[in-house]
Amino acid sequence: MSKKPTKSATRKPATSKTPRPQTRTVVMFGLDKDGKPHAARFTGENDALLAKAAAAMGMRLAVPATKKHLDIAKKLPVGKIHATGNVVPNVDQPLYDQINSLTGGEPGAISALLPKSSAQLAPGHLVIAQASVEDGWWPAIIMKRSSEAVTLRWRDFPGEPEIIRPISGLALLNTD
């Protein structure tokens, strides 16, 4: 036979006064093959899925860091990720320019095609390169290629100086 719960056992737990964690907003933006600006904001989406979609479309990702950034991001349409692909709508040029200026300007054309081997690497391809042991690995765009090395520009920090890395020291993005 079960015992009747006491009054204290049936009370609701006290609610916590700590605020709920906020969901992070991520902005995806870039130019299409015709040079038309596209941008959208995503809230609560899987970061890896967004990164894969951005790489496939040759777009950039940015996370609003200040109230000013967030105010501009709120002007963007909400993006949607569907099973058949990502939807990043056209935006007007002045809004795109605002986003671009906050992130450090256009890094140049990024190829939406992902090379399957290091032999296929060419200018415009997106790769992962090590900044330093302390700073880790980051997305970078190939600007120039020689037989054994590439000149890179950081995708998310285009204002930083170009760097040179050996081809053997790059990671290719997953092409599956």
C-alpha atoms as a PDB file:
ATOM      1  CA  MET A   1       0.000   0.000   0.000  1.00  0.00           C
ATOM      2  CA  SER A   2       1.348   3.412  -0.870  1.00  0.00           C
ATOM      3  CA  LYS A   3       1.551   6.089   1.700  1.00  0.00           C
ATOM      4  CA  LYS A   4      -0.269   9.370   1.117  1.00  0.00           C
ATOM      5  CA  PRO A   5       2.292  12.082   0.325  1.00  0.00           C
ATOM      6  CA  THR A   6       2.754  14.713   2.969  1.00  0.00           C
ATOM      7  CA  LYS A   7       1.880  18.303   2.278  1.00  0.00           C
ATOM      8  CA  SER A   8       5.541  19.267   1.967  1.00  0.00           C
ATOM      9  CA  ALA A   9       6.153  16.543  -0.628  1.00  0.00           C
ATOM     10  CA  THR A  10       3.434  17.905  -2.914  1.00  0.00           C
ATOM     11  CA  ARG A  11       4.591  21.531  -2.851  1.00  0.00           C
ATOM     12  CA  LYS A  12       5.993  23.026  -5.994  1.00  0.00           C
ATOM     13  CA  PRO A  13       9.705  23.743  -5.779  1.00  0.00           C
ATOM     14  CA  ALA A  14      10.638  27.375  -5.255  1.00  0.00           C
ATOM     15  CA  THR A  15      11.351  29.176  -8.498  1.00  0.00           C
ATOM     16  CA  SER A  16      14.854  30.408  -8.993  1.00  0.00           C
ATOM     17  CA  LYS A  17      15.512  34.108  -9.338  1.00  0.00           C
ATOM     18  CA  THR A  18      18.368  33.504 -11.766  1.00  0.00           C
ATOM     19  CA  PRO A  19      17.536  34.600 -15.307  1.00  0.00           C
ATOM     20  CA  ARG A  20      17.110  31.964 -17.975  1.00  0.00           C
ATOM     21  CA  PRO A  21      20.074  31.665 -20.324  1.00  0.00           C
ATOM     22  CA  GLN A  22      19.596  33.744 -23.424  1.00  0.00           C
ATOM     23  CA  THR A  23      19.701  32.098 -26.815  1.00  0.00           C
ATOM     24  CA  ARG A  24      22.555  33.312 -28.967  1.00  0.00           C
ATOM     25  CA  THR A  25      21.889  35.130 -32.215  1.00  0.00           C
ATOM     26  CA  VAL A  26      24.097  34.381 -35.221  1.00  0.00           C
ATOM     27  CA  VAL A  27      24.118  36.417 -38.440  1.00  0.00           C
ATOM     28  CA  MET A  28      24.798  34.723 -41.786  1.00  0.00           C
ATOM     29  CA  PHE A  29      25.615  37.026 -44.670  1.00  0.00           C
ATOM     30  CA  GLY A  30      27.355  37.229 -48.010  1.00  0.00           C
ATOM     31  CA  LEU A  31      27.044  38.008 -51.680  1.00  0.00           C
ATOM     32  CA  ASP A  32      25.567  35.602 -54.190  1.00  0.00           C
ATOM     33  CA  LYS A  33      27.196  34.790 -57.543  1.00  0.00           C
ATOM     34  CA  ASP A  34      25.584  37.909 -59.027  1.00  0.00           C
ATOM     35  CA  GLY A  35      26.928  40.164 -56.260  1.00  0.00           C
ATOM     36  CA  LYS A  36      23.528  40.616 -54.565  1.00  0.00           C
ATOM     37  CA  PRO A  37      23.613  40.906 -50.753  1.00  0.00           C
ATOM     38  CA  HIS A  38      21.973  38.250 -48.575  1.00  0.00           C
ATOM     39  CA  ALA A  39      21.698  38.211 -44.785  1.00  0.00           C
ATOM     40  CA  ALA A  40      19.594  36.681 -42.030  1.00  0.00           C
ATOM     41  CA  ARG A  41      19.647  36.195 -38.290  1.00  0.00           C
ATOM     42  CA  PHE A  42      19.367  32.806 -36.629  1.00  0.00           C
ATOM     43  CA  THR A  43      18.508  32.292 -32.981  1.00  0.00           C
ATOM     44  CA  GLY A  44      18.924  28.992 -31.197  1.00  0.00           C
ATOM     45  CA  GLU A  45      20.182  27.085 -34.241  1.00  0.00           C
ATOM     46  CA  ASN A  46      22.899  24.454 -34.081  1.00  0.00           C
ATOM     47  CA  ASP A  47      26.278  26.182 -34.603  1.00  0.00           C
ATOM     48  CA  ALA A  48      27.783  23.278 -36.551  1.00  0.00           C
ATOM     49  CA  LEU A  49      24.789  23.183 -38.881  1.00  0.00           C
ATOM     50  CA  LEU A  50      25.026  26.946 -39.464  1.00  0.00           C
ATOM     51  CA  ALA A  51      28.767  26.700 -40.152  1.00  0.00           C
ATOM     52  CA  LYS A  52      28.231  23.901 -42.670  1.00  0.00           C
ATOM     53  CA  ALA A  53      25.430  25.837 -44.406  1.00  0.00           C
ATOM     54  CA  ALA A  54      27.530  29.020 -44.527  1.00  0.00           C
ATOM     55  CA  ALA A  55      30.493  27.156 -45.990  1.00  0.00           C
ATOM     56  CA  ALA A  56      28.315  25.473 -48.606  1.00  0.00           C
ATOM     57  CA  MET A  57      26.911  28.836 -49.746  1.00  0.00           C
ATOM     58  CA  GLY A  58      30.151  30.821 -49.432  1.00  0.00           C
ATOM     59  CA  MET A  59      28.727  33.032 -46.677  1.00  0.00           C
ATOM     60  CA  ARG A  60      30.136  34.372 -43.432  1.00  0.00           C
ATOM     61  CA  LEU A  61      28.899  34.038 -39.865  1.00  0.00           C
ATOM     62  CA  ALA A  62      29.051  36.683 -37.146  1.00  0.00           C
ATOM     63  CA  VAL A  63      27.850  36.810 -33.558  1.00  0.00           C
ATOM     64  CA  PRO A  64      26.572  40.194 -32.357  1.00  0.00           C
ATOM     65  CA  ALA A  65      28.782  41.174 -29.416  1.00  0.00           C
ATOM     66  CA  THR A  66      27.364  44.532 -28.342  1.00  0.00           C
ATOM     67  CA  LYS A  67      23.958  46.158 -28.088  1.00  0.00           C
ATOM     68  CA  LYS A  68      24.755  48.139 -31.257  1.00  0.00           C
ATOM     69  CA  HIS A  69      25.505  44.902 -33.134  1.00  0.00           C
ATOM     70  CA  LEU A  70      22.346  43.256 -31.824  1.00  0.00           C
ATOM     71  CA  ASP A  71      20.223  46.271 -32.800  1.00  0.00           C
ATOM     72  CA  ILE A  72      21.457  45.974 -36.392  1.00  0.00           C
ATOM     73  CA  ALA A  73      21.018  42.173 -36.388  1.00  0.00           C
ATOM     74  CA  LYS A  74      17.377  42.621 -35.309  1.00  0.00           C
ATOM     75  CA  LYS A  75      16.741  44.523 -38.561  1.00  0.00           C
ATOM     76  CA  LEU A  76      17.546  41.356 -40.522  1.00  0.00           C
ATOM     77  CA  PRO A  77      14.925  38.820 -41.552  1.00  0.00           C
ATOM     78  CA  VAL A  78      14.870  35.555 -39.624  1.00  0.00           C
ATOM     79  CA  GLY A  79      16.705  32.825 -41.517  1.00  0.00           C
ATOM     80  CA  LYS A  80      15.463  29.273 -41.773  1.00  0.00           C
ATOM     81  CA  ILE A  81      17.316  26.021 -42.173  1.00  0.00           C
ATOM     82  CA  HIS A  82      15.320  23.422 -44.059  1.00  0.00           C
ATOM     83  CA  ALA A  83      16.139  19.825 -44.894  1.00  0.00           C
ATOM     84  CA  THR A  84      16.514  20.917 -48.512  1.00  0.00           C
ATOM     85  CA  GLY A  85      18.830  23.804 -47.657  1.00  0.00           C
ATOM     86  CA  ASN A  86      19.235  27.098 -45.926  1.00  0.00           C
ATOM     87  CA  VAL A  87      17.156  30.179 -46.696  1.00  0.00           C
ATOM     88  CA  VAL A  88      19.067  33.461 -46.476  1.00  0.00           C
ATOM     89  CA  PRO A  89      16.968  36.181 -48.133  1.00  0.00           C
ATOM     90  CA  ASN A  90      18.134  39.223 -50.069  1.00  0.00           C
ATOM     91  CA  VAL A  91      18.621  42.399 -48.041  1.00  0.00           C
ATOM     92  CA  ASP A  92      19.087  45.977 -49.143  1.00  0.00           C
ATOM     93  CA  GLN A  93      22.627  47.176 -49.757  1.00  0.00           C
ATOM     94  CA  PRO A  94      22.770  49.788 -46.915  1.00  0.00           C
ATOM     95  CA  LEU A  95      21.843  47.160 -44.290  1.00  0.00           C
ATOM     96  CA  TYR A  96      24.350  44.699 -45.748  1.00  0.00           C
ATOM     97  CA  ASP A  97      27.019  47.422 -45.683  1.00  0.00           C
ATOM     98  CA  GLN A  98      26.290  48.058 -41.987  1.00  0.00           C
ATOM     99  CA  ILE A  99      26.795  44.395 -41.145  1.00  0.00           C
ATOM    100  CA  ASN A 100      29.876  44.183 -43.317  1.00  0.00           C
ATOM    101  CA  SER A 101      31.481  47.240 -41.701  1.00  0.00           C
ATOM    102  CA  LEU A 102      30.882  45.854 -38.191  1.00  0.00           C
ATOM    103  CA  THR A 103      32.624  42.589 -39.066  1.00  0.00           C
ATOM    104  CA  GLY A 104      35.621  44.070 -40.813  1.00  0.00           C
ATOM    105  CA  GLY A 105      34.645  44.243 -44.462  1.00  0.00           C
ATOM    106  CA  GLU A 106      34.311  41.792 -47.292  1.00  0.00           C
ATOM    107  CA  PRO A 107      37.076  39.140 -47.366  1.00  0.00           C
ATOM    108  CA  GLY A 108      36.607  38.567 -51.086  1.00  0.00           C
ATOM    109  CA  ALA A 109      34.769  35.885 -52.946  1.00  0.00           C
ATOM    110  CA  ILE A 110      34.428  32.571 -51.158  1.00  0.00           C
ATOM    111  CA  SER A 111      33.907  29.529 -53.334  1.00  0.00           C
ATOM    112  CA  ALA A 112      30.863  27.466 -52.406  1.00  0.00           C
ATOM    113  CA  LEU A 113      32.623  24.410 -53.808  1.00  0.00           C
ATOM    114  CA  LEU A 114      34.552  22.402 -51.229  1.00  0.00           C
ATOM    115  CA  PRO A 115      37.732  20.742 -52.510  1.00  0.00           C
ATOM    116  CA  LYS A 116      37.938  16.994 -51.923  1.00  0.00           C
ATOM    117  CA  SER A 117      41.745  16.964 -51.635  1.00  0.00           C
ATOM    118  CA  SER A 118      44.598  19.370 -51.013  1.00  0.00           C
ATOM    119  CA  ALA A 119      45.564  19.051 -54.699  1.00  0.00           C
ATOM    120  CA  GLN A 120      42.310  20.876 -55.596  1.00  0.00           C
ATOM    121  CA  LEU A 121      42.925  23.861 -53.301  1.00  0.00           C
ATOM    122  CA  ALA A 122      42.752  27.205 -55.112  1.00  0.00           C
ATOM    123  CA  PRO A 123      42.097  30.887 -54.344  1.00  0.00           C
ATOM    124  CA  GLY A 124      38.622  31.413 -52.934  1.00  0.00           C
ATOM    125  CA  HIS A 125      38.404  28.029 -51.207  1.00  0.00           C
ATOM    126  CA  LEU A 126      37.485  27.937 -47.539  1.00  0.00           C
ATOM    127  CA  VAL A 127      39.752  25.855 -45.278  1.00  0.00           C
ATOM    128  CA  ILE A 128      40.549  25.554 -41.584  1.00  0.00           C
ATOM    129  CA  ALA A 129      43.992  26.790 -40.498  1.00  0.00           C
ATOM    130  CA  GLN A 130      45.777  27.066 -37.186  1.00  0.00           C
ATOM    131  CA  ALA A 131      46.311  30.625 -35.994  1.00  0.00           C
ATOM    132  CA  SER A 132      48.640  29.488 -33.206  1.00  0.00           C
ATOM    133  CA  VAL A 133      48.804  26.750 -30.599  1.00  0.00           C
ATOM    134  CA  GLU A 134      47.096  29.062 -28.106  1.00  0.00           C
ATOM    135  CA  ASP A 135      44.460  30.494 -30.481  1.00  0.00           C
ATOM    136  CA  GLY A 136      43.478  27.261 -32.203  1.00  0.00           C
ATOM    137  CA  TRP A 137      42.003  26.612 -35.645  1.00  0.00           C
ATOM    138  CA  TRP A 138      39.843  29.047 -37.624  1.00  0.00           C
ATOM    139  CA  PRO A 139      38.137  29.276 -41.033  1.00  0.00           C
ATOM    140  CA  ALA A 140      40.351  30.952 -43.616  1.00  0.00           C
ATOM    141  CA  ILE A 141      40.093  31.809 -47.302  1.00  0.00           C
ATOM    142  CA  ILE A 142      42.867  30.971 -49.720  1.00  0.00           C
ATOM    143  CA  MET A 143      44.060  34.148 -51.438  1.00  0.00           C
ATOM    144  CA  LYS A 144      47.107  32.711 -53.311  1.00  0.00           C
ATOM    145  CA  ARG A 145      48.631  29.291 -53.781  1.00  0.00           C
ATOM    146  CA  SER A 146      52.132  28.096 -54.587  1.00  0.00           C
ATOM    147  CA  SER A 147      53.173  24.470 -54.961  1.00  0.00           C
ATOM    148  CA  GLU A 148      53.697  23.929 -51.215  1.00  0.00           C
ATOM    149  CA  ALA A 149      52.094  26.867 -49.382  1.00  0.00           C
ATOM    150  CA  VAL A 150      49.037  29.124 -49.416  1.00  0.00           C
ATOM    151  CA  THR A 151      48.437  32.713 -48.471  1.00  0.00           C
ATOM    152  CA  LEU A 152      45.336  32.961 -46.297  1.00  0.00           C
ATOM    153  CA  ARG A 153      43.012  35.599 -44.950  1.00  0.00           C
ATOM    154  CA  TRP A 154      40.900  34.804 -41.890  1.00  0.00           C
ATOM    155  CA  ARG A 155      37.261  34.549 -42.955  1.00  0.00           C
ATOM    156  CA  ASP A 156      35.877  36.099 -39.771  1.00  0.00           C
ATOM    157  CA  PHE A 157      38.679  38.634 -39.284  1.00  0.00           C
ATOM    158  CA  PRO A 158      39.379  40.046 -42.756  1.00  0.00           C
ATOM    159  CA  GLY A 159      41.107  43.113 -41.301  1.00  0.00           C
ATOM    160  CA  GLU A 160      43.939  40.954 -39.960  1.00  0.00           C
ATOM    161  CA  PRO A 161      47.096  40.624 -42.086  1.00  0.00           C
ATOM    162  CA  GLU A 162      47.345  37.725 -44.504  1.00  0.00           C
ATOM    163  CA  ILE A 163      49.279  34.679 -43.294  1.00  0.00           C
ATOM    164  CA  ILE A 164      51.186  31.916 -45.063  1.00  0.00           C
ATOM    165  CA  ARG A 165      50.715  28.262 -44.135  1.00  0.00           C
ATOM    166  CA  PRO A 166      52.000  25.033 -45.702  1.00  0.00           C
ATOM    167  CA  ILE A 167      49.338  23.109 -47.601  1.00  0.00           C
ATOM    168  CA  SER A 168      50.035  20.084 -45.413  1.00  0.00           C
ATOM    169  CA  GLY A 169      49.056  22.166 -42.351  1.00  0.00           C
ATOM    170  CA  LEU A 170      45.487  22.885 -43.500  1.00  0.00           C
ATOM    171  CA  ALA A 171      42.278  21.053 -42.719  1.00  0.00           C
ATOM    172  CA  LEU A 172      39.650  20.628 -45.410  1.00  0.00           C
ATOM    173  CA  LEU A 173      35.991  21.071 -44.607  1.00  0.00           C
ATOM    174  CA  ASN A 174      33.840  17.968 -44.645  1.00  0.00           C
ATOM    175  CA  THR A 175      32.464  17.452 -48.141  1.00  0.00           C
ATOM    176  CA  ASP A 176      29.782  14.948 -47.102  1.00  0.00           C
END
